[in-house]
Amino acid sequence: MNPMTMQEIRFRGAGGPEVIAIAEGSVPKPGPNQYLVKVAYAGVNRPDCLQRAGGYPPPPGAPDVPGLEISGHVVEAGEGASLPVGTALCALIAGGGYAEYALVDAPLAMPVPGELSLLEAAALPENVLTVYDNVVTRGRLMAGETFLVHGGSSGIGSIAIQMAKALGATVFATARGQEKLDFCRELGADLAFDYTEQDFVAEALSATNQQGVNAILDMVGGDYMARNLRCLAVEGRLVQIAFLKGSKAEIDFRHLMMRRLTFTGSTLRPRSLALKAAIVDAVLRWIWPLVEAGKIRPRIDTVLPLAEARAAHERMESSAHMGKIMLKVAGG
């Protein structure tokens, strides 16, 4: 029998990391085509911080408890869910990962790839699905093209570098400080630019004989949006997934017209289960084999116990991390 109550993280209103508190909640019951999973590890992501600050509310029907990706073991299956109790998995969820138990929709359950640990597996779903959908699907990155990712040492950035390289692209990344530049190069970046000392537009143009890069993944926004357009090649694609420097900018869209550029972007969490399931299916088909072959591996920066979620958010917002920040719930 599963317990009736569990430990979970709650936000005492909108604000900084000080509003994070551990609380007692009810263990949820799986509905049709759902699993109840005993959580081993949960990934910490920027959207969790945005939710805590009041800027990214859960979609209708999602738990208020933060956390968008987990690993663990099935302890109960709802009607129509076919995995047996005890199955190890990782999954994208709409919320509820910062807790001892979480619900997983069956179409979003993913097997732990290869010889990865549950810790490594929990670090994959949010970033791998986000990168695949935005770089491969929306950004249409192909072998032989040139790709630029901002924030290359972040969780998203570290996966983007590896995925783009595995797909046959030449990869550029921006980061701050020698240690992070070295980290990006170790992941596979052909060139890494320190955005505090170098103009990434000039560097990218110089590295491509003034032709520009074919695709850019940006989570910075602000003045980066206009600068990104200036360093895109003809038919280049800019994909926006976040706005660390704000969502408003003054942009000269003549670049978009003259070089036939595409400026697009997306969010993952509010999408329907069917749309998320389609991305999961594509990732399991095309990307999971690369993970199993060791060509894409999550890089873990910090592992903290669930009760120290505040410290995890503080580290995330310091931008000192390289790779993923993780919460250990039950371990394994």
C-alpha atoms as a PDB file:
ATOM      1  CA  MET A   1       0.000   0.000   0.000  1.00  0.00           C
ATOM      2  CA  ASN A   2       1.236   3.452  -0.858  1.00  0.00           C
ATOM      3  CA  PRO A   3       1.268   6.109   1.884  1.00  0.00           C
ATOM      4  CA  MET A   4      -1.524   8.675   2.051  1.00  0.00           C
ATOM      5  CA  THR A   5       0.757  11.690   2.537  1.00  0.00           C
ATOM      6  CA  MET A   6       4.121  12.834   1.199  1.00  0.00           C
ATOM      7  CA  GLN A   7       6.698  15.578   1.437  1.00  0.00           C
ATOM      8  CA  GLU A   8       6.527  18.204  -1.304  1.00  0.00           C
ATOM      9  CA  ILE A   9       7.779  21.694  -2.095  1.00  0.00           C
ATOM     10  CA  ARG A  10       5.329  24.612  -2.058  1.00  0.00           C
ATOM     11  CA  PHE A  11       5.649  28.327  -2.721  1.00  0.00           C
ATOM     12  CA  ARG A  12       4.321  30.649  -0.005  1.00  0.00           C
ATOM     13  CA  GLY A  13       3.167  33.201  -2.544  1.00  0.00           C
ATOM     14  CA  ALA A  14       5.122  34.739  -5.407  1.00  0.00           C
ATOM     15  CA  GLY A  15       8.653  35.931  -4.745  1.00  0.00           C
ATOM     16  CA  GLY A  16      12.296  34.970  -4.462  1.00  0.00           C
ATOM     17  CA  PRO A  17      13.771  31.695  -3.188  1.00  0.00           C
ATOM     18  CA  GLU A  18      12.724  32.661   0.351  1.00  0.00           C
ATOM     19  CA  VAL A  19       9.102  31.684  -0.471  1.00  0.00           C
ATOM     20  CA  ILE A  20      10.116  28.038  -0.969  1.00  0.00           C
ATOM     21  CA  ALA A  21       8.963  25.725   1.810  1.00  0.00           C
ATOM     22  CA  ILE A  22       8.681  22.004   2.352  1.00  0.00           C
ATOM     23  CA  ALA A  23       5.170  20.864   3.181  1.00  0.00           C
ATOM     24  CA  GLU A  24       3.028  17.786   3.626  1.00  0.00           C
ATOM     25  CA  GLY A  25       0.662  16.923   0.793  1.00  0.00           C
ATOM     26  CA  SER A  26      -1.607  14.101  -0.279  1.00  0.00           C
ATOM     27  CA  VAL A  27      -0.240  11.355  -2.499  1.00  0.00           C
ATOM     28  CA  PRO A  28      -2.158  11.651  -5.791  1.00  0.00           C
ATOM     29  CA  LYS A  29      -4.129   8.793  -7.352  1.00  0.00           C
ATOM     30  CA  PRO A  30      -3.431   7.881 -10.978  1.00  0.00           C
ATOM     31  CA  GLY A  31      -6.291   8.342 -13.392  1.00  0.00           C
ATOM     32  CA  PRO A  32      -6.815   6.468 -16.653  1.00  0.00           C
ATOM     33  CA  ASN A  33      -3.580   6.066 -18.621  1.00  0.00           C
ATOM     34  CA  GLN A  34      -1.470   7.500 -15.808  1.00  0.00           C
ATOM     35  CA  TYR A  35       1.227   6.156 -13.499  1.00  0.00           C
ATOM     36  CA  LEU A  36       1.964   7.028  -9.907  1.00  0.00           C
ATOM     37  CA  VAL A  37       5.754   7.214  -9.671  1.00  0.00           C
ATOM     38  CA  LYS A  38       7.874   7.199  -6.545  1.00  0.00           C
ATOM     39  CA  VAL A  39      10.271   9.996  -7.420  1.00  0.00           C
ATOM     40  CA  ALA A  40      13.992   9.308  -7.243  1.00  0.00           C
ATOM     41  CA  TYR A  41      15.265  12.594  -8.675  1.00  0.00           C
ATOM     42  CA  ALA A  42      13.732  15.791 -10.056  1.00  0.00           C
ATOM     43  CA  GLY A  43      15.363  18.292 -12.386  1.00  0.00           C
ATOM     44  CA  VAL A  44      15.458  22.005 -11.571  1.00  0.00           C
ATOM     45  CA  ASN A  45      14.724  24.301 -14.523  1.00  0.00           C
ATOM     46  CA  ARG A  46      14.362  28.034 -15.186  1.00  0.00           C
ATOM     47  CA  PRO A  47      10.568  27.706 -15.607  1.00  0.00           C
ATOM     48  CA  ASP A  48      10.423  26.534 -11.966  1.00  0.00           C
ATOM     49  CA  CYS A  49      11.976  29.837 -10.920  1.00  0.00           C
ATOM     50  CA  LEU A  50       9.579  31.765 -13.151  1.00  0.00           C
ATOM     51  CA  GLN A  51       6.638  29.932 -11.591  1.00  0.00           C
ATOM     52  CA  ARG A  52       7.937  30.757  -8.110  1.00  0.00           C
ATOM     53  CA  ALA A  53       8.201  34.434  -9.087  1.00  0.00           C
ATOM     54  CA  GLY A  54       4.600  34.446 -10.296  1.00  0.00           C
ATOM     55  CA  GLY A  55       5.386  34.723 -14.007  1.00  0.00           C
ATOM     56  CA  TYR A  56       4.696  31.204 -15.252  1.00  0.00           C
ATOM     57  CA  PRO A  57       1.566  29.698 -13.678  1.00  0.00           C
ATOM     58  CA  PRO A  58       0.827  25.985 -14.103  1.00  0.00           C
ATOM     59  CA  PRO A  59      -1.530  25.154 -16.988  1.00  0.00           C
ATOM     60  CA  PRO A  60      -5.110  24.181 -16.093  1.00  0.00           C
ATOM     61  CA  GLY A  61      -5.219  20.861 -14.287  1.00  0.00           C
ATOM     62  CA  ALA A  62      -1.504  20.779 -13.440  1.00  0.00           C
ATOM     63  CA  PRO A  63      -0.319  20.608  -9.807  1.00  0.00           C
ATOM     64  CA  ASP A  64       0.827  23.771  -8.049  1.00  0.00           C
ATOM     65  CA  VAL A  65       3.887  21.845  -6.880  1.00  0.00           C
ATOM     66  CA  PRO A  66       6.820  22.766  -9.179  1.00  0.00           C
ATOM     67  CA  GLY A  67       8.955  20.331 -11.124  1.00  0.00           C
ATOM     68  CA  LEU A  68       8.764  19.405 -14.825  1.00  0.00           C
ATOM     69  CA  GLU A  69      10.917  16.275 -15.062  1.00  0.00           C
ATOM     70  CA  ILE A  70      11.538  13.255 -12.871  1.00  0.00           C
ATOM     71  CA  SER A  71      12.898   9.748 -12.699  1.00  0.00           C
ATOM     72  CA  GLY A  72      11.685   6.965 -10.466  1.00  0.00           C
ATOM     73  CA  HIS A  73       9.723   3.729 -10.286  1.00  0.00           C
ATOM     74  CA  VAL A  74       6.097   2.968 -11.053  1.00  0.00           C
ATOM     75  CA  VAL A  75       4.202   2.113  -7.856  1.00  0.00           C
ATOM     76  CA  GLU A  76       0.657   2.155  -9.263  1.00  0.00           C
ATOM     77  CA  ALA A  77      -0.844   2.146 -12.769  1.00  0.00           C
ATOM     78  CA  GLY A  78      -4.186   3.620 -13.735  1.00  0.00           C
ATOM     79  CA  GLU A  79      -6.641   1.961 -16.078  1.00  0.00           C
ATOM     80  CA  GLY A  80      -5.096   1.482 -19.510  1.00  0.00           C
ATOM     81  CA  ALA A  81      -1.508   2.152 -18.392  1.00  0.00           C
ATOM     82  CA  SER A  82       0.498  -0.944 -19.261  1.00  0.00           C
ATOM     83  CA  LEU A  83       3.884  -0.642 -17.528  1.00  0.00           C
ATOM     84  CA  PRO A  84       4.187  -3.006 -14.552  1.00  0.00           C
ATOM     85  CA  VAL A  85       4.782  -1.837 -10.996  1.00  0.00           C
ATOM     86  CA  GLY A  86       8.513  -1.484 -10.385  1.00  0.00           C
ATOM     87  CA  THR A  87       9.373  -0.202 -13.858  1.00  0.00           C
ATOM     88  CA  ALA A  88      12.090   2.452 -13.860  1.00  0.00           C
ATOM     89  CA  LEU A  89      11.360   5.473 -16.050  1.00  0.00           C
ATOM     90  CA  CYS A  90      11.957   9.146 -16.604  1.00  0.00           C
ATOM     91  CA  ALA A  91       9.272  11.546 -17.747  1.00  0.00           C
ATOM     92  CA  LEU A  92       8.190  15.017 -18.684  1.00  0.00           C
ATOM     93  CA  ILE A  93       5.374  16.201 -16.413  1.00  0.00           C
ATOM     94  CA  ALA A  94       3.304  19.384 -16.264  1.00  0.00           C
ATOM     95  CA  GLY A  95       4.142  19.892 -12.579  1.00  0.00           C
ATOM     96  CA  GLY A  96       4.533  18.041  -9.304  1.00  0.00           C
ATOM     97  CA  GLY A  97       8.119  16.853  -9.617  1.00  0.00           C
ATOM     98  CA  TYR A  98       9.345  18.408  -6.362  1.00  0.00           C
ATOM     99  CA  ALA A  99       7.586  15.719  -4.316  1.00  0.00           C
ATOM    100  CA  GLU A 100       7.988  12.147  -3.136  1.00  0.00           C
ATOM    101  CA  TYR A 101       5.336  10.921  -5.582  1.00  0.00           C
ATOM    102  CA  ALA A 102       4.216  12.315  -8.925  1.00  0.00           C
ATOM    103  CA  LEU A 103       1.738  11.470 -11.672  1.00  0.00           C
ATOM    104  CA  VAL A 104       3.017  10.668 -15.147  1.00  0.00           C
ATOM    105  CA  ASP A 105       0.834  10.496 -18.244  1.00  0.00           C
ATOM    106  CA  ALA A 106       1.601   7.196 -19.947  1.00  0.00           C
ATOM    107  CA  PRO A 107       2.436   8.736 -23.362  1.00  0.00           C
ATOM    108  CA  LEU A 108       5.145  10.864 -21.706  1.00  0.00           C
ATOM    109  CA  ALA A 109       6.848   8.000 -19.848  1.00  0.00           C
ATOM    110  CA  MET A 110      10.321   7.315 -21.255  1.00  0.00           C
ATOM    111  CA  PRO A 111      12.607   4.355 -20.536  1.00  0.00           C
ATOM    112  CA  VAL A 112      15.876   5.021 -18.750  1.00  0.00           C
ATOM    113  CA  PRO A 113      18.317   4.971 -21.681  1.00  0.00           C
ATOM    114  CA  GLY A 114      21.189   2.513 -21.765  1.00  0.00           C
ATOM    115  CA  GLU A 115      23.313   2.361 -18.644  1.00  0.00           C
ATOM    116  CA  LEU A 116      22.321   5.781 -17.331  1.00  0.00           C
ATOM    117  CA  SER A 117      21.543   6.168 -13.647  1.00  0.00           C
ATOM    118  CA  LEU A 118      18.218   7.462 -12.396  1.00  0.00           C
ATOM    119  CA  LEU A 119      20.008  10.717 -11.578  1.00  0.00           C
ATOM    120  CA  GLU A 120      21.172  11.145 -15.175  1.00  0.00           C
ATOM    121  CA  ALA A 121      17.813  10.041 -16.569  1.00  0.00           C
ATOM    122  CA  ALA A 122      15.928  12.681 -14.572  1.00  0.00           C
ATOM    123  CA  ALA A 123      18.161  15.357 -16.104  1.00  0.00           C
ATOM    124  CA  LEU A 124      17.034  14.552 -19.654  1.00  0.00           C
ATOM    125  CA  PRO A 125      13.302  15.002 -20.386  1.00  0.00           C
ATOM    126  CA  GLU A 126      12.728  18.763 -20.168  1.00  0.00           C
ATOM    127  CA  ASN A 127      15.962  19.763 -21.869  1.00  0.00           C
ATOM    128  CA  VAL A 128      16.105  17.047 -24.522  1.00  0.00           C
ATOM    129  CA  LEU A 129      12.496  17.560 -25.596  1.00  0.00           C
ATOM    130  CA  THR A 130      12.894  21.343 -25.587  1.00  0.00           C
ATOM    131  CA  VAL A 131      16.094  21.240 -27.625  1.00  0.00           C
ATOM    132  CA  TYR A 132      14.789  18.677 -30.112  1.00  0.00           C
ATOM    133  CA  ASP A 133      11.542  20.541 -30.697  1.00  0.00           C
ATOM    134  CA  ASN A 134      13.200  23.935 -31.077  1.00  0.00           C
ATOM    135  CA  VAL A 135      16.512  23.128 -32.756  1.00  0.00           C
ATOM    136  CA  VAL A 136      15.527  20.201 -34.964  1.00  0.00           C
ATOM    137  CA  THR A 137      11.805  20.756 -35.606  1.00  0.00           C
ATOM    138  CA  ARG A 138      11.422  24.529 -35.507  1.00  0.00           C
ATOM    139  CA  GLY A 139      15.049  25.427 -36.243  1.00  0.00           C
ATOM    140  CA  ARG A 140      15.358  22.776 -38.993  1.00  0.00           C
ATOM    141  CA  LEU A 141      19.046  22.258 -38.215  1.00  0.00           C
ATOM    142  CA  MET A 142      20.741  19.914 -40.662  1.00  0.00           C
ATOM    143  CA  ALA A 143      24.137  18.258 -40.982  1.00  0.00           C
ATOM    144  CA  GLY A 144      26.713  20.604 -42.439  1.00  0.00           C
ATOM    145  CA  GLU A 145      25.061  23.755 -41.089  1.00  0.00           C
ATOM    146  CA  THR A 146      26.374  26.156 -38.455  1.00  0.00           C
ATOM    147  CA  PHE A 147      24.542  26.504 -35.138  1.00  0.00           C
ATOM    148  CA  LEU A 148      24.887  29.068 -32.331  1.00  0.00           C
ATOM    149  CA  VAL A 149      23.506  28.528 -28.835  1.00  0.00           C
ATOM    150  CA  HIS A 150      23.545  31.180 -26.120  1.00  0.00           C
ATOM    151  CA  GLY A 151      24.137  30.060 -22.550  1.00  0.00           C
ATOM    152  CA  GLY A 152      26.071  27.029 -23.716  1.00  0.00           C
ATOM    153  CA  SER A 153      27.026  25.925 -20.195  1.00  0.00           C
ATOM    154  CA  SER A 154      23.417  25.787 -18.950  1.00  0.00           C
ATOM    155  CA  GLY A 155      21.324  22.629 -18.837  1.00  0.00           C
ATOM    156  CA  ILE A 156      19.615  23.526 -22.104  1.00  0.00           C
ATOM    157  CA  GLY A 157      22.834  24.752 -23.663  1.00  0.00           C
ATOM    158  CA  SER A 158      24.829  21.661 -22.750  1.00  0.00           C
ATOM    159  CA  ILE A 159      22.253  19.400 -24.407  1.00  0.00           C
ATOM    160  CA  ALA A 160      21.950  21.712 -27.435  1.00  0.00           C
ATOM    161  CA  ILE A 161      25.706  21.622 -28.063  1.00  0.00           C
ATOM    162  CA  GLN A 162      25.811  17.835 -27.918  1.00  0.00           C
ATOM    163  CA  MET A 163      22.672  17.284 -29.992  1.00  0.00           C
ATOM    164  CA  ALA A 164      23.705  19.717 -32.715  1.00  0.00           C
ATOM    165  CA  LYS A 165      27.172  18.164 -32.871  1.00  0.00           C
ATOM    166  CA  ALA A 166      25.729  14.640 -33.021  1.00  0.00           C
ATOM    167  CA  LEU A 167      23.518  15.769 -35.916  1.00  0.00           C
ATOM    168  CA  GLY A 168      26.568  16.921 -37.871  1.00  0.00           C
ATOM    169  CA  ALA A 169      26.487  20.693 -37.343  1.00  0.00           C
ATOM    170  CA  THR A 170      29.354  23.075 -36.627  1.00  0.00           C
ATOM    171  CA  VAL A 171      28.591  24.469 -33.176  1.00  0.00           C
ATOM    172  CA  PHE A 172      29.279  27.883 -31.644  1.00  0.00           C
ATOM    173  CA  ALA A 173      28.350  28.759 -28.048  1.00  0.00           C
ATOM    174  CA  THR A 174      28.401  31.808 -25.803  1.00  0.00           C
ATOM    175  CA  ALA A 175      29.238  31.676 -22.098  1.00  0.00           C
ATOM    176  CA  ARG A 176      30.971  33.731 -19.409  1.00  0.00           C
ATOM    177  CA  GLY A 177      34.454  33.008 -18.091  1.00  0.00           C
ATOM    178  CA  GLN A 178      37.195  30.596 -19.089  1.00  0.00           C
ATOM    179  CA  GLU A 179      35.844  27.660 -17.084  1.00  0.00           C
ATOM    180  CA  LYS A 180      32.488  27.793 -18.859  1.00  0.00           C
ATOM    181  CA  LEU A 181      34.118  28.293 -22.259  1.00  0.00           C
ATOM    182  CA  ASP A 182      36.228  25.193 -21.650  1.00  0.00           C
ATOM    183  CA  PHE A 183      33.107  23.322 -20.558  1.00  0.00           C
ATOM    184  CA  CYS A 184      31.358  24.208 -23.837  1.00  0.00           C
ATOM    185  CA  ARG A 185      34.355  23.074 -25.873  1.00  0.00           C
ATOM    186  CA  GLU A 186      34.565  19.825 -23.918  1.00  0.00           C
ATOM    187  CA  LEU A 187      30.908  19.195 -24.802  1.00  0.00           C
ATOM    188  CA  GLY A 188      31.746  19.567 -28.488  1.00  0.00           C
ATOM    189  CA  ALA A 189      31.481  23.277 -29.325  1.00  0.00           C
ATOM    190  CA  ASP A 190      33.842  24.162 -32.168  1.00  0.00           C
ATOM    191  CA  LEU A 191      34.082  27.749 -30.943  1.00  0.00           C
ATOM    192  CA  ALA A 192      33.033  29.381 -27.669  1.00  0.00           C
ATOM    193  CA  PHE A 193      32.735  33.150 -27.174  1.00  0.00           C
ATOM    194  CA  ASP A 194      32.894  35.024 -23.865  1.00  0.00           C
ATOM    195  CA  TYR A 195      29.963  37.406 -24.188  1.00  0.00           C
ATOM    196  CA  THR A 196      31.474  39.749 -21.579  1.00  0.00           C
ATOM    197  CA  GLU A 197      34.621  40.311 -23.666  1.00  0.00           C
ATOM    198  CA  GLN A 198      33.707  39.417 -27.261  1.00  0.00           C
ATOM    199  CA  ASP A 199      31.023  40.558 -29.685  1.00  0.00           C
ATOM    200  CA  PHE A 200      29.355  37.299 -30.652  1.00  0.00           C
ATOM    201  CA  VAL A 201      27.992  38.876 -33.852  1.00  0.00           C
ATOM    202  CA  ALA A 202      31.461  39.821 -35.081  1.00  0.00           C
ATOM    203  CA  GLU A 203      32.924  36.501 -33.963  1.00  0.00           C
ATOM    204  CA  ALA A 204      30.208  34.427 -35.648  1.00  0.00           C
ATOM    205  CA  LEU A 205      30.491  36.391 -38.881  1.00  0.00           C
ATOM    206  CA  SER A 206      34.282  36.108 -38.858  1.00  0.00           C
ATOM    207  CA  ALA A 207      34.130  32.349 -38.274  1.00  0.00           C
ATOM    208  CA  THR A 208      31.759  31.897 -41.218  1.00  0.00           C
ATOM    209  CA  ASN A 209      33.549  34.152 -43.726  1.00  0.00           C
ATOM    210  CA  GLN A 210      30.859  36.797 -43.169  1.00  0.00           C
ATOM    211  CA  GLN A 211      28.127  34.385 -44.277  1.00  0.00           C
ATOM    212  CA  GLY A 212      26.495  34.040 -40.841  1.00  0.00           C
ATOM    213  CA  VAL A 213      25.152  31.045 -38.946  1.00  0.00           C
ATOM    214  CA  ASN A 214      22.228  28.932 -40.107  1.00  0.00           C
ATOM    215  CA  ALA A 215      20.376  28.562 -36.802  1.00  0.00           C
ATOM    216  CA  ILE A 216      20.415  30.134 -33.349  1.00  0.00           C
ATOM    217  CA  LEU A 217      18.841  28.957 -30.089  1.00  0.00           C
ATOM    218  CA  ASP A 218      18.390  31.922 -27.750  1.00  0.00           C
ATOM    219  CA  MET A 219      17.133  32.110 -24.182  1.00  0.00           C
ATOM    220  CA  VAL A 220      18.494  35.594 -23.448  1.00  0.00           C
ATOM    221  CA  GLY A 221      16.213  37.919 -25.418  1.00  0.00           C
ATOM    222  CA  GLY A 222      16.458  41.670 -24.905  1.00  0.00           C
ATOM    223  CA  ASP A 223      19.061  43.243 -27.176  1.00  0.00           C
ATOM    224  CA  TYR A 224      20.238  39.772 -28.213  1.00  0.00           C
ATOM    225  CA  MET A 225      17.240  39.457 -30.521  1.00  0.00           C
ATOM    226  CA  ALA A 226      18.374  42.245 -32.839  1.00  0.00           C
ATOM    227  CA  ARG A 227      21.985  41.081 -32.657  1.00  0.00           C
ATOM    228  CA  ASN A 228      20.979  37.511 -33.481  1.00  0.00           C
ATOM    229  CA  LEU A 229      19.262  38.632 -36.670  1.00  0.00           C
ATOM    230  CA  ARG A 230      22.444  40.424 -37.759  1.00  0.00           C
ATOM    231  CA  CYS A 231      24.548  37.267 -37.595  1.00  0.00           C
ATOM    232  CA  LEU A 232      22.138  34.878 -39.344  1.00  0.00           C
ATOM    233  CA  ALA A 233      22.920  33.589 -42.827  1.00  0.00           C
ATOM    234  CA  VAL A 234      20.490  33.776 -45.734  1.00  0.00           C
ATOM    235  CA  GLU A 235      17.473  31.585 -44.864  1.00  0.00           C
ATOM    236  CA  GLY A 236      18.703  31.500 -41.262  1.00  0.00           C
ATOM    237  CA  ARG A 237      16.445  30.582 -38.332  1.00  0.00           C
ATOM    238  CA  LEU A 238      16.290  32.224 -34.902  1.00  0.00           C
ATOM    239  CA  VAL A 239      14.433  30.225 -32.248  1.00  0.00           C
ATOM    240  CA  GLN A 240      13.511  31.979 -28.986  1.00  0.00           C
ATOM    241  CA  ILE A 241      12.773  29.896 -25.878  1.00  0.00           C
ATOM    242  CA  ALA A 242      13.215  32.354 -22.984  1.00  0.00           C
ATOM    243  CA  PHE A 243      13.863  36.000 -22.116  1.00  0.00           C
ATOM    244  CA  LEU A 244      16.446  36.362 -19.360  1.00  0.00           C
ATOM    245  CA  LYS A 245      17.040  39.972 -20.496  1.00  0.00           C
ATOM    246  CA  GLY A 246      13.381  40.698 -21.245  1.00  0.00           C
ATOM    247  CA  SER A 247      10.913  40.073 -24.052  1.00  0.00           C
ATOM    248  CA  LYS A 248      10.938  43.575 -25.559  1.00  0.00           C
ATOM    249  CA  ALA A 249      13.501  44.972 -27.974  1.00  0.00           C
ATOM    250  CA  GLU A 250      13.958  47.442 -30.800  1.00  0.00           C
ATOM    251  CA  ILE A 251      14.596  45.396 -33.944  1.00  0.00           C
ATOM    252  CA  ASP A 252      15.347  46.388 -37.526  1.00  0.00           C
ATOM    253  CA  PHE A 253      13.344  43.785 -39.439  1.00  0.00           C
ATOM    254  CA  ARG A 254      14.981  44.662 -42.731  1.00  0.00           C
ATOM    255  CA  HIS A 255      17.436  41.861 -41.913  1.00  0.00           C
ATOM    256  CA  LEU A 256      14.536  39.425 -41.809  1.00  0.00           C
ATOM    257  CA  MET A 257      13.262  40.515 -45.229  1.00  0.00           C
ATOM    258  CA  MET A 258      16.570  40.938 -47.032  1.00  0.00           C
ATOM    259  CA  ARG A 259      17.949  37.545 -45.993  1.00  0.00           C
ATOM    260  CA  ARG A 260      14.627  35.661 -45.806  1.00  0.00           C
ATOM    261  CA  LEU A 261      15.057  34.843 -42.128  1.00  0.00           C
ATOM    262  CA  THR A 262      12.718  32.932 -39.854  1.00  0.00           C
ATOM    263  CA  PHE A 263      12.125  34.219 -36.293  1.00  0.00           C
ATOM    264  CA  THR A 264      10.137  31.721 -34.246  1.00  0.00           C
ATOM    265  CA  GLY A 265       9.882  30.371 -30.714  1.00  0.00           C
ATOM    266  CA  SER A 266       7.870  28.150 -28.445  1.00  0.00           C
ATOM    267  CA  THR A 267       6.987  27.012 -24.965  1.00  0.00           C
ATOM    268  CA  LEU A 268       6.528  23.364 -24.022  1.00  0.00           C
ATOM    269  CA  ARG A 269       4.582  23.220 -20.776  1.00  0.00           C
ATOM    270  CA  PRO A 270       1.186  24.588 -21.957  1.00  0.00           C
ATOM    271  CA  ARG A 271       0.930  22.245 -24.960  1.00  0.00           C
ATOM    272  CA  SER A 272      -1.621  19.470 -25.138  1.00  0.00           C
ATOM    273  CA  LEU A 273      -0.779  15.925 -24.097  1.00  0.00           C
ATOM    274  CA  ALA A 274      -1.044  14.816 -27.729  1.00  0.00           C
ATOM    275  CA  LEU A 275       1.494  17.405 -28.909  1.00  0.00           C
ATOM    276  CA  LYS A 276       3.928  16.545 -26.110  1.00  0.00           C
ATOM    277  CA  ALA A 277       3.495  12.832 -26.833  1.00  0.00           C
ATOM    278  CA  ALA A 278       4.426  13.426 -30.471  1.00  0.00           C
ATOM    279  CA  ILE A 279       7.687  15.080 -29.384  1.00  0.00           C
ATOM    280  CA  VAL A 280       8.389  12.207 -26.979  1.00  0.00           C
ATOM    281  CA  ASP A 281       7.847   9.679 -29.784  1.00  0.00           C
ATOM    282  CA  ALA A 282      10.269  11.555 -32.060  1.00  0.00           C
ATOM    283  CA  VAL A 283      12.888  11.857 -29.306  1.00  0.00           C
ATOM    284  CA  LEU A 284      12.673   8.157 -28.476  1.00  0.00           C
ATOM    285  CA  ARG A 285      13.113   7.318 -32.152  1.00  0.00           C
ATOM    286  CA  TRP A 286      15.877   9.735 -33.134  1.00  0.00           C
ATOM    287  CA  ILE A 287      17.619  11.007 -29.983  1.00  0.00           C
ATOM    288  CA  TRP A 288      17.440   8.194 -27.419  1.00  0.00           C
ATOM    289  CA  PRO A 289      19.815   6.038 -29.550  1.00  0.00           C
ATOM    290  CA  LEU A 290      22.326   8.905 -29.448  1.00  0.00           C
ATOM    291  CA  VAL A 291      22.005   9.010 -25.658  1.00  0.00           C
ATOM    292  CA  GLU A 292      22.456   5.247 -25.431  1.00  0.00           C
ATOM    293  CA  ALA A 293      25.544   5.517 -27.656  1.00  0.00           C
ATOM    294  CA  GLY A 294      27.059   8.141 -25.344  1.00  0.00           C
ATOM    295  CA  LYS A 295      26.902  10.960 -27.901  1.00  0.00           C
ATOM    296  CA  ILE A 296      24.513  12.939 -25.680  1.00  0.00           C
ATOM    297  CA  ARG A 297      24.883  12.772 -21.909  1.00  0.00           C
ATOM    298  CA  PRO A 298      23.474  15.043 -19.215  1.00  0.00           C
ATOM    299  CA  ARG A 299      26.081  16.941 -17.243  1.00  0.00           C
ATOM    300  CA  ILE A 300      25.229  17.261 -13.557  1.00  0.00           C
ATOM    301  CA  ASP A 301      26.323  20.406 -11.735  1.00  0.00           C
ATOM    302  CA  THR A 302      24.782  19.973  -8.295  1.00  0.00           C
ATOM    303  CA  VAL A 303      22.612  17.419  -6.460  1.00  0.00           C
ATOM    304  CA  LEU A 304      20.712  18.640  -3.399  1.00  0.00           C
ATOM    305  CA  PRO A 305      18.089  16.973  -1.201  1.00  0.00           C
ATOM    306  CA  LEU A 306      14.453  17.928  -1.742  1.00  0.00           C
ATOM    307  CA  ALA A 307      14.418  19.958   1.474  1.00  0.00           C
ATOM    308  CA  GLU A 308      17.145  22.213   0.000  1.00  0.00           C
ATOM    309  CA  ALA A 309      15.117  23.326  -3.023  1.00  0.00           C
ATOM    310  CA  ARG A 310      15.723  26.932  -1.974  1.00  0.00           C
ATOM    311  CA  ALA A 311      19.483  26.473  -2.387  1.00  0.00           C
ATOM    312  CA  ALA A 312      18.853  24.857  -5.775  1.00  0.00           C
ATOM    313  CA  HIS A 313      16.889  27.900  -6.965  1.00  0.00           C
ATOM    314  CA  GLU A 314      19.521  30.262  -5.594  1.00  0.00           C
ATOM    315  CA  ARG A 315      22.206  28.453  -7.566  1.00  0.00           C
ATOM    316  CA  MET A 316      20.062  28.456 -10.712  1.00  0.00           C
ATOM    317  CA  GLU A 317      19.491  32.197 -10.478  1.00  0.00           C
ATOM    318  CA  SER A 318      23.166  32.872  -9.772  1.00  0.00           C
ATOM    319  CA  SER A 319      23.969  31.414 -13.218  1.00  0.00           C
ATOM    320  CA  ALA A 320      27.087  29.881 -11.667  1.00  0.00           C
ATOM    321  CA  HIS A 321      26.072  26.354 -12.605  1.00  0.00           C
ATOM    322  CA  MET A 322      27.401  24.285 -15.495  1.00  0.00           C
ATOM    323  CA  GLY A 323      24.919  21.638 -16.551  1.00  0.00           C
ATOM    324  CA  LYS A 324      21.943  20.464 -14.517  1.00  0.00           C
ATOM    325  CA  ILE A 325      20.898  21.208 -10.951  1.00  0.00           C
ATOM    326  CA  MET A 326      19.062  18.225  -9.476  1.00  0.00           C
ATOM    327  CA  LEU A 327      16.993  17.401  -6.412  1.00  0.00           C
ATOM    328  CA  LYS A 328      17.415  14.010  -4.773  1.00  0.00           C
ATOM    329  CA  VAL A 329      14.111  12.736  -3.475  1.00  0.00           C
ATOM    330  CA  ALA A 330      14.362   8.974  -2.912  1.00  0.00           C
ATOM    331  CA  GLY A 331      17.592   8.370  -4.809  1.00  0.00           C
ATOM    332  CA  GLY A 332      18.287   5.086  -6.559  1.00  0.00           C
END
